[in-house]
Amino acid sequence: NYAWLLRRKRWHAVHHHPSKKISHFGVTN
C-alpha cells in the first residue's frame, strides 16, 4: 500500500526469480 514497500517487494521478487544469476540480496535496502 506504500511506495517503499512496493519497491522492496519488486526488489525481493527479482531475488527470488533471477533471470541469469542470483542478485538483490538486501531485503531492507
PDB file of all heavy atoms in Angstrom:
ATOM      1  N   ASN A   1       0.813  -1.214   0.000  1.00  0.00           N
ATOM      2  CA  ASN A   1       0.000   0.000   0.000  1.00  0.00           C
ATOM      3  C   ASN A   1       0.846   1.264   0.000  1.00  0.00           C
ATOM      4  O   ASN A   1       0.308   2.357  -0.079  1.00  0.00           O
ATOM      5  CB  ASN A   1      -0.934   0.007   1.222  1.00  0.00           C
ATOM      6  CG  ASN A   1      -1.946  -1.121   1.153  1.00  0.00           C
ATOM      7  OD1 ASN A   1      -2.383  -1.496   0.067  1.00  0.00           O
ATOM      8  ND2 ASN A   1      -2.301  -1.674   2.291  1.00  0.00           N
ATOM      9  N   TYR A   2       2.154   1.107   0.124  1.00  0.00           N
ATOM     10  CA  TYR A   2       3.064   2.247   0.164  1.00  0.00           C
ATOM     11  C   TYR A   2       4.154   2.039  -0.884  1.00  0.00           C
ATOM     12  O   TYR A   2       4.566   0.915  -1.161  1.00  0.00           O
ATOM     13  CB  TYR A   2       3.701   2.384   1.553  1.00  0.00           C
ATOM     14  CG  TYR A   2       2.681   2.537   2.649  1.00  0.00           C
ATOM     15  CD1 TYR A   2       2.296   1.443   3.419  1.00  0.00           C
ATOM     16  CD2 TYR A   2       2.082   3.767   2.901  1.00  0.00           C
ATOM     17  CE1 TYR A   2       1.347   1.572   4.417  1.00  0.00           C
ATOM     18  CE2 TYR A   2       1.136   3.910   3.895  1.00  0.00           C
ATOM     19  CZ  TYR A   2       0.778   2.811   4.651  1.00  0.00           C
ATOM     20  OH  TYR A   2      -0.179   2.951   5.634  1.00  0.00           O
ATOM     21  N   ALA A   3       4.650   3.152  -1.430  1.00  0.00           N
ATOM     22  CA  ALA A   3       5.661   3.078  -2.493  1.00  0.00           C
ATOM     23  C   ALA A   3       6.921   2.351  -2.018  1.00  0.00           C
ATOM     24  O   ALA A   3       7.496   1.553  -2.764  1.00  0.00           O
ATOM     25  CB  ALA A   3       6.006   4.485  -2.989  1.00  0.00           C
ATOM     26  N   TRP A   4       7.351   2.612  -0.772  1.00  0.00           N
ATOM     27  CA  TRP A   4       8.563   1.973  -0.265  1.00  0.00           C
ATOM     28  C   TRP A   4       8.406   0.458  -0.244  1.00  0.00           C
ATOM     29  O   TRP A   4       9.285  -0.268  -0.697  1.00  0.00           O
ATOM     30  CB  TRP A   4       8.907   2.495   1.137  1.00  0.00           C
ATOM     31  CG  TRP A   4      10.129   1.849   1.702  1.00  0.00           C
ATOM     32  CD1 TRP A   4      11.423   2.220   1.470  1.00  0.00           C
ATOM     33  CD2 TRP A   4      10.188   0.694   2.547  1.00  0.00           C
ATOM     34  NE1 TRP A   4      12.284   1.367   2.135  1.00  0.00           N
ATOM     35  CE2 TRP A   4      11.549   0.428   2.805  1.00  0.00           C
ATOM     36  CE3 TRP A   4       9.229  -0.141   3.115  1.00  0.00           C
ATOM     37  CZ2 TRP A   4      11.970  -0.630   3.606  1.00  0.00           C
ATOM     38  CZ3 TRP A   4       9.645  -1.197   3.917  1.00  0.00           C
ATOM     39  CH2 TRP A   4      10.998  -1.427   4.150  1.00  0.00           C
ATOM     40  N   LEU A   5       7.281  -0.028   0.265  1.00  0.00           N
ATOM     41  CA  LEU A   5       7.063  -1.474   0.332  1.00  0.00           C
ATOM     42  C   LEU A   5       6.923  -2.061  -1.070  1.00  0.00           C
ATOM     43  O   LEU A   5       7.432  -3.156  -1.336  1.00  0.00           O
ATOM     44  CB  LEU A   5       5.842  -1.822   1.184  1.00  0.00           C
ATOM     45  CG  LEU A   5       5.555  -3.315   1.342  1.00  0.00           C
ATOM     46  CD1 LEU A   5       6.761  -4.073   1.899  1.00  0.00           C
ATOM     47  CD2 LEU A   5       4.333  -3.528   2.240  1.00  0.00           C
ATOM     48  N   LEU A   6       6.296  -1.367  -1.966  1.00  0.00           N
ATOM     49  CA  LEU A   6       6.195  -1.856  -3.346  1.00  0.00           C
ATOM     50  C   LEU A   6       7.584  -2.003  -3.961  1.00  0.00           C
ATOM     51  O   LEU A   6       7.871  -3.013  -4.615  1.00  0.00           O
ATOM     52  CB  LEU A   6       5.341  -0.903  -4.187  1.00  0.00           C
ATOM     53  CG  LEU A   6       5.111  -1.317  -5.637  1.00  0.00           C
ATOM     54  CD1 LEU A   6       4.428  -2.676  -5.728  1.00  0.00           C
ATOM     55  CD2 LEU A   6       4.304  -0.254  -6.369  1.00  0.00           C
ATOM     56  N   ARG A   7       8.464  -1.033  -3.720  1.00  0.00           N
ATOM     57  CA  ARG A   7       9.851  -1.137  -4.226  1.00  0.00           C
ATOM     58  C   ARG A   7      10.564  -2.334  -3.603  1.00  0.00           C
ATOM     59  O   ARG A   7      11.275  -3.063  -4.288  1.00  0.00           O
ATOM     60  CB  ARG A   7      10.632   0.152  -3.938  1.00  0.00           C
ATOM     61  CG  ARG A   7      10.287   1.306  -4.855  1.00  0.00           C
ATOM     62  CD  ARG A   7      11.274   2.459  -4.723  1.00  0.00           C
ATOM     63  NE  ARG A   7      11.463   2.936  -3.365  1.00  0.00           N
ATOM     64  CZ  ARG A   7      10.699   3.859  -2.773  1.00  0.00           C
ATOM     65  NH1 ARG A   7       9.693   4.406  -3.431  1.00  0.00           N
ATOM     66  NH2 ARG A   7      10.951   4.243  -1.533  1.00  0.00           N
ATOM     67  N   ARG A   8      10.404  -2.549  -2.300  1.00  0.00           N
ATOM     68  CA  ARG A   8      11.043  -3.680  -1.617  1.00  0.00           C
ATOM     69  C   ARG A   8      10.494  -5.009  -2.152  1.00  0.00           C
ATOM     70  O   ARG A   8      11.240  -5.960  -2.346  1.00  0.00           O
ATOM     71  CB  ARG A   8      10.847  -3.617  -0.099  1.00  0.00           C
ATOM     72  CG  ARG A   8      11.399  -2.418   0.614  1.00  0.00           C
ATOM     73  CD  ARG A   8      12.844  -1.983   0.369  1.00  0.00           C
ATOM     74  NE  ARG A   8      13.821  -2.986   0.086  1.00  0.00           N
ATOM     75  CZ  ARG A   8      14.783  -2.853  -0.838  1.00  0.00           C
ATOM     76  NH1 ARG A   8      14.887  -1.764  -1.571  1.00  0.00           N
ATOM     77  NH2 ARG A   8      15.656  -3.807  -1.038  1.00  0.00           N
ATOM     78  N   LYS A   9       9.181  -5.081  -2.376  1.00  0.00           N
ATOM     79  CA  LYS A   9       8.573  -6.315  -2.904  1.00  0.00           C
ATOM     80  C   LYS A   9       9.106  -6.623  -4.303  1.00  0.00           C
ATOM     81  O   LYS A   9       9.440  -7.763  -4.601  1.00  0.00           O
ATOM     82  CB  LYS A   9       7.040  -6.195  -2.938  1.00  0.00           C
ATOM     83  CG  LYS A   9       6.399  -6.337  -1.576  1.00  0.00           C
ATOM     84  CD  LYS A   9       4.889  -6.140  -1.638  1.00  0.00           C
ATOM     85  CE  LYS A   9       4.168  -7.309  -2.204  1.00  0.00           C
ATOM     86  NZ  LYS A   9       3.982  -8.453  -1.328  1.00  0.00           N
ATOM     87  N   ARG A  10       9.189  -5.604  -5.150  1.00  0.00           N
ATOM     88  CA  ARG A  10       9.717  -5.800  -6.501  1.00  0.00           C
ATOM     89  C   ARG A  10      11.185  -6.213  -6.457  1.00  0.00           C
ATOM     90  O   ARG A  10      11.614  -7.097  -7.192  1.00  0.00           O
ATOM     91  CB  ARG A  10       9.530  -4.539  -7.334  1.00  0.00           C
ATOM     92  CG  ARG A  10       8.087  -4.302  -7.723  1.00  0.00           C
ATOM     93  CD  ARG A  10       7.931  -3.045  -8.521  1.00  0.00           C
ATOM     94  NE  ARG A  10       6.546  -2.869  -8.919  1.00  0.00           N
ATOM     95  CZ  ARG A  10       6.015  -1.702  -9.241  1.00  0.00           C
ATOM     96  NH1 ARG A  10       6.763  -0.603  -9.234  1.00  0.00           N
ATOM     97  NH2 ARG A  10       4.758  -1.626  -9.587  1.00  0.00           N
ATOM     98  N   TRP A  11      11.958  -5.553  -5.612  1.00  0.00           N
ATOM     99  CA  TRP A  11      13.378  -5.857  -5.460  1.00  0.00           C
ATOM    100  C   TRP A  11      13.559  -7.310  -5.024  1.00  0.00           C
ATOM    101  O   TRP A  11      14.357  -8.040  -5.584  1.00  0.00           O
ATOM    102  CB  TRP A  11      13.973  -4.902  -4.420  1.00  0.00           C
ATOM    103  CG  TRP A  11      15.433  -5.075  -4.163  1.00  0.00           C
ATOM    104  CD1 TRP A  11      16.008  -5.874  -3.212  1.00  0.00           C
ATOM    105  CD2 TRP A  11      16.500  -4.441  -4.849  1.00  0.00           C
ATOM    106  NE1 TRP A  11      17.370  -5.762  -3.268  1.00  0.00           N
ATOM    107  CE2 TRP A  11      17.706  -4.890  -4.259  1.00  0.00           C
ATOM    108  CE3 TRP A  11      16.561  -3.521  -5.893  1.00  0.00           C
ATOM    109  CZ2 TRP A  11      18.953  -4.454  -4.689  1.00  0.00           C
ATOM    110  CZ3 TRP A  11      17.798  -3.093  -6.314  1.00  0.00           C
ATOM    111  CH2 TRP A  11      18.980  -3.565  -5.730  1.00  0.00           C
ATOM    112  N   HIS A  12      12.797  -7.709  -4.012  1.00  0.00           N
ATOM    113  CA  HIS A  12      12.924  -9.059  -3.467  1.00  0.00           C
ATOM    114  C   HIS A  12      12.406 -10.105  -4.466  1.00  0.00           C
ATOM    115  O   HIS A  12      12.919 -11.223  -4.522  1.00  0.00           O
ATOM    116  CB  HIS A  12      12.196  -9.165  -2.133  1.00  0.00           C
ATOM    117  CG  HIS A  12      12.637 -10.335  -1.308  1.00  0.00           C
ATOM    118  ND1 HIS A  12      13.937 -10.515  -0.887  1.00  0.00           N
ATOM    119  CD2 HIS A  12      11.948 -11.396  -0.835  1.00  0.00           C
ATOM    120  CE1 HIS A  12      14.025 -11.625  -0.181  1.00  0.00           C
ATOM    121  NE2 HIS A  12      12.831 -12.202  -0.145  1.00  0.00           N
ATOM    122  N   ALA A  13      11.417  -9.734  -5.254  1.00  0.00           N
ATOM    123  CA  ALA A  13      10.907 -10.655  -6.278  1.00  0.00           C
ATOM    124  C   ALA A  13      11.994 -10.968  -7.309  1.00  0.00           C
ATOM    125  O   ALA A  13      12.095 -12.109  -7.774  1.00  0.00           O
ATOM    126  CB  ALA A  13       9.678 -10.064  -6.961  1.00  0.00           C
ATOM    127  N   VAL A  14      12.818  -9.991  -7.650  1.00  0.00           N
ATOM    128  CA  VAL A  14      13.931 -10.238  -8.571  1.00  0.00           C
ATOM    129  C   VAL A  14      14.890 -11.247  -7.949  1.00  0.00           C
ATOM    130  O   VAL A  14      15.391 -12.142  -8.626  1.00  0.00           O
ATOM    131  CB  VAL A  14      14.673  -8.927  -8.927  1.00  0.00           C
ATOM    132  CG1 VAL A  14      15.959  -9.207  -9.691  1.00  0.00           C
ATOM    133  CG2 VAL A  14      13.766  -8.014  -9.729  1.00  0.00           C
ATOM    134  N   HIS A  15      15.112 -11.135  -6.638  1.00  0.00           N
ATOM    135  CA  HIS A  15      15.991 -12.079  -5.944  1.00  0.00           C
ATOM    136  C   HIS A  15      15.434 -13.499  -6.017  1.00  0.00           C
ATOM    137  O   HIS A  15      16.167 -14.445  -6.222  1.00  0.00           O
ATOM    138  CB  HIS A  15      16.173 -11.662  -4.482  1.00  0.00           C
ATOM    139  CG  HIS A  15      16.949 -12.657  -3.687  1.00  0.00           C
ATOM    140  ND1 HIS A  15      18.310 -12.797  -3.809  1.00  0.00           N
ATOM    141  CD2 HIS A  15      16.556 -13.592  -2.793  1.00  0.00           C
ATOM    142  CE1 HIS A  15      18.717 -13.761  -3.008  1.00  0.00           C
ATOM    143  NE2 HIS A  15      17.677 -14.265  -2.381  1.00  0.00           N
ATOM    144  N   HIS A  16      14.131 -13.624  -5.842  1.00  0.00           N
ATOM    145  CA  HIS A  16      13.511 -14.952  -5.848  1.00  0.00           C
ATOM    146  C   HIS A  16      13.340 -15.531  -7.251  1.00  0.00           C
ATOM    147  O   HIS A  16      13.205 -16.740  -7.402  1.00  0.00           O
ATOM    148  CB  HIS A  16      12.141 -14.910  -5.143  1.00  0.00           C
ATOM    149  CG  HIS A  16      12.240 -15.120  -3.675  1.00  0.00           C
ATOM    150  ND1 HIS A  16      12.044 -16.337  -3.083  1.00  0.00           N
ATOM    151  CD2 HIS A  16      12.539 -14.262  -2.666  1.00  0.00           C
ATOM    152  CE1 HIS A  16      12.199 -16.232  -1.782  1.00  0.00           C
ATOM    153  NE2 HIS A  16      12.504 -14.981  -1.491  1.00  0.00           N
ATOM    154  N   HIS A  17      13.339 -14.687  -8.262  1.00  0.00           N
ATOM    155  CA  HIS A  17      13.132 -15.147  -9.641  1.00  0.00           C
ATOM    156  C   HIS A  17      14.197 -14.564 -10.560  1.00  0.00           C
ATOM    157  O   HIS A  17      13.890 -13.787 -11.465  1.00  0.00           O
ATOM    158  CB  HIS A  17      11.736 -14.755 -10.128  1.00  0.00           C
ATOM    159  CG  HIS A  17      10.649 -15.241  -9.234  1.00  0.00           C
ATOM    160  ND1 HIS A  17      10.284 -16.559  -9.160  1.00  0.00           N
ATOM    161  CD2 HIS A  17       9.872 -14.588  -8.343  1.00  0.00           C
ATOM    162  CE1 HIS A  17       9.324 -16.706  -8.277  1.00  0.00           C
ATOM    163  NE2 HIS A  17       9.052 -15.527  -7.756  1.00  0.00           N
ATOM    164  N   PRO A  18      15.451 -14.920 -10.337  1.00  0.00           N
ATOM    165  CA  PRO A  18      16.521 -14.332 -11.158  1.00  0.00           C
ATOM    166  C   PRO A  18      16.476 -14.855 -12.592  1.00  0.00           C
ATOM    167  O   PRO A  18      16.159 -16.011 -12.832  1.00  0.00           O
ATOM    168  CB  PRO A  18      17.801 -14.792 -10.456  1.00  0.00           C
ATOM    169  CG  PRO A  18      17.409 -16.077  -9.798  1.00  0.00           C
ATOM    170  CD  PRO A  18      15.960 -15.912  -9.398  1.00  0.00           C
ATOM    171  N   SER A  19      16.805 -13.955 -13.519  1.00  0.00           N
ATOM    172  CA  SER A  19      16.825 -14.381 -14.920  1.00  0.00           C
ATOM    173  C   SER A  19      18.180 -14.981 -15.292  1.00  0.00           C
ATOM    174  O   SER A  19      18.252 -15.862 -16.127  1.00  0.00           O
ATOM    175  CB  SER A  19      16.482 -13.207 -15.831  1.00  0.00           C
ATOM    176  OG  SER A  19      17.409 -12.164 -15.646  1.00  0.00           O
ATOM    177  N   LYS A  20      19.271 -14.504 -14.703  1.00  0.00           N
ATOM    178  CA  LYS A  20      20.597 -15.015 -15.044  1.00  0.00           C
ATOM    179  C   LYS A  20      21.336 -15.532 -13.819  1.00  0.00           C
ATOM    180  O   LYS A  20      21.815 -16.643 -13.801  1.00  0.00           O
ATOM    181  CB  LYS A  20      21.429 -13.913 -15.715  1.00  0.00           C
ATOM    182  CG  LYS A  20      20.889 -13.468 -17.054  1.00  0.00           C
ATOM    183  CD  LYS A  20      21.741 -12.360 -17.624  1.00  0.00           C
ATOM    184  CE  LYS A  20      21.083 -11.773 -18.869  1.00  0.00           C
ATOM    185  NZ  LYS A  20      21.758 -10.568 -19.305  1.00  0.00           N
ATOM    186  N   LYS A  21      21.483 -14.704 -12.813  1.00  0.00           N
ATOM    187  CA  LYS A  21      22.211 -15.097 -11.610  1.00  0.00           C
ATOM    188  C   LYS A  21      21.467 -14.546 -10.389  1.00  0.00           C
ATOM    189  O   LYS A  21      20.700 -13.604 -10.494  1.00  0.00           O
ATOM    190  CB  LYS A  21      23.644 -14.562 -11.625  1.00  0.00           C
ATOM    191  CG  LYS A  21      23.727 -13.051 -11.614  1.00  0.00           C
ATOM    192  CD  LYS A  21      25.153 -12.561 -11.520  1.00  0.00           C
ATOM    193  CE  LYS A  21      25.107 -11.024 -11.478  1.00  0.00           C
ATOM    194  NZ  LYS A  21      26.190 -10.438 -10.793  1.00  0.00           N
ATOM    195  N   ILE A  22      21.732 -15.141  -9.259  1.00  0.00           N
ATOM    196  CA  ILE A  22      21.117 -14.661  -8.027  1.00  0.00           C
ATOM    197  C   ILE A  22      21.685 -13.279  -7.705  1.00  0.00           C
ATOM    198  O   ILE A  22      22.898 -13.069  -7.727  1.00  0.00           O
ATOM    199  CB  ILE A  22      21.397 -15.623  -6.847  1.00  0.00           C
ATOM    200  CG1 ILE A  22      20.854 -17.012  -7.133  1.00  0.00           C
ATOM    201  CG2 ILE A  22      20.831 -15.084  -5.553  1.00  0.00           C
ATOM    202  CD1 ILE A  22      19.379 -17.169  -6.981  1.00  0.00           C
ATOM    203  N   SER A  23      20.815 -12.341  -7.431  1.00  0.00           N
ATOM    204  CA  SER A  23      21.224 -10.977  -7.101  1.00  0.00           C
ATOM    205  C   SER A  23      20.215 -10.391  -6.114  1.00  0.00           C
ATOM    206  O   SER A  23      19.337 -11.091  -5.627  1.00  0.00           O
ATOM    207  CB  SER A  23      21.281 -10.127  -8.377  1.00  0.00           C
ATOM    208  OG  SER A  23      19.996 -10.017  -8.948  1.00  0.00           O
ATOM    209  N   HIS A  24      20.354  -9.129  -5.826  1.00  0.00           N
ATOM    210  CA  HIS A  24      19.418  -8.407  -4.964  1.00  0.00           C
ATOM    211  C   HIS A  24      19.331  -9.047  -3.577  1.00  0.00           C
ATOM    212  O   HIS A  24      18.291  -9.528  -3.163  1.00  0.00           O
ATOM    213  CB  HIS A  24      18.036  -8.321  -5.621  1.00  0.00           C
ATOM    214  CG  HIS A  24      18.010  -7.518  -6.880  1.00  0.00           C
ATOM    215  ND1 HIS A  24      18.591  -7.964  -8.041  1.00  0.00           N
ATOM    216  CD2 HIS A  24      17.495  -6.306  -7.150  1.00  0.00           C
ATOM    217  CE1 HIS A  24      18.425  -7.052  -8.993  1.00  0.00           C
ATOM    218  NE2 HIS A  24      17.765  -6.037  -8.471  1.00  0.00           N
ATOM    219  N   PHE A  25      20.429  -9.017  -2.843  1.00  0.00           N
ATOM    220  CA  PHE A  25      20.497  -9.685  -1.547  1.00  0.00           C
ATOM    221  C   PHE A  25      19.977  -8.833  -0.403  1.00  0.00           C
ATOM    222  O   PHE A  25      19.583  -9.356   0.623  1.00  0.00           O
ATOM    223  CB  PHE A  25      21.940 -10.124  -1.261  1.00  0.00           C
ATOM    224  CG  PHE A  25      22.444 -11.123  -2.255  1.00  0.00           C
ATOM    225  CD1 PHE A  25      23.222 -10.731  -3.330  1.00  0.00           C
ATOM    226  CD2 PHE A  25      22.119 -12.463  -2.128  1.00  0.00           C
ATOM    227  CE1 PHE A  25      23.679 -11.653  -4.262  1.00  0.00           C
ATOM    228  CE2 PHE A  25      22.565 -13.396  -3.055  1.00  0.00           C
ATOM    229  CZ  PHE A  25      23.334 -12.985  -4.112  1.00  0.00           C
ATOM    230  N   GLY A  26      19.997  -7.530  -0.540  1.00  0.00           N
ATOM    231  CA  GLY A  26      19.468  -6.664   0.509  1.00  0.00           C
ATOM    232  C   GLY A  26      17.962  -6.781   0.576  1.00  0.00           C
ATOM    233  O   GLY A  26      17.290  -6.735  -0.446  1.00  0.00           O
ATOM    234  N   VAL A  27      17.447  -6.932   1.766  1.00  0.00           N
ATOM    235  CA  VAL A  27      15.994  -7.014   1.939  1.00  0.00           C
ATOM    236  C   VAL A  27      15.453  -5.662   2.374  1.00  0.00           C
ATOM    237  O   VAL A  27      14.477  -5.168   1.821  1.00  0.00           O
ATOM    238  CB  VAL A  27      15.613  -8.121   2.955  1.00  0.00           C
ATOM    239  CG1 VAL A  27      14.127  -8.112   3.266  1.00  0.00           C
ATOM    240  CG2 VAL A  27      16.044  -9.485   2.428  1.00  0.00           C
ATOM    241  N   THR A  28      16.102  -5.028   3.355  1.00  0.00           N
ATOM    242  CA  THR A  28      15.603  -3.748   3.851  1.00  0.00           C
ATOM    243  C   THR A  28      16.066  -2.571   3.004  1.00  0.00           C
ATOM    244  O   THR A  28      15.443  -1.514   3.045  1.00  0.00           O
ATOM    245  CB  THR A  28      16.054  -3.505   5.307  1.00  0.00           C
ATOM    246  OG1 THR A  28      17.481  -3.556   5.365  1.00  0.00           O
ATOM    247  CG2 THR A  28      15.445  -4.525   6.250  1.00  0.00           C
ATOM    248  N   ASN A  29      17.150  -2.754   2.248  1.00  0.00           N
ATOM    249  CA  ASN A  29      17.644  -1.660   1.427  1.00  0.00           C
ATOM    250  C   ASN A  29      18.520  -2.216   0.302  1.00  0.00           C
ATOM    251  O   ASN A  29      18.923  -3.377   0.337  1.00  0.00           O
ATOM    252  CB  ASN A  29      18.434  -0.652   2.280  1.00  0.00           C
ATOM    253  CG  ASN A  29      19.725  -1.225   2.766  1.00  0.00           C
ATOM    254  OD1 ASN A  29      20.726  -1.209   2.055  1.00  0.00           O
ATOM    255  ND2 ASN A  29      19.739  -1.771   3.980  1.00  0.00           N
TER     256      ASN A  29
END
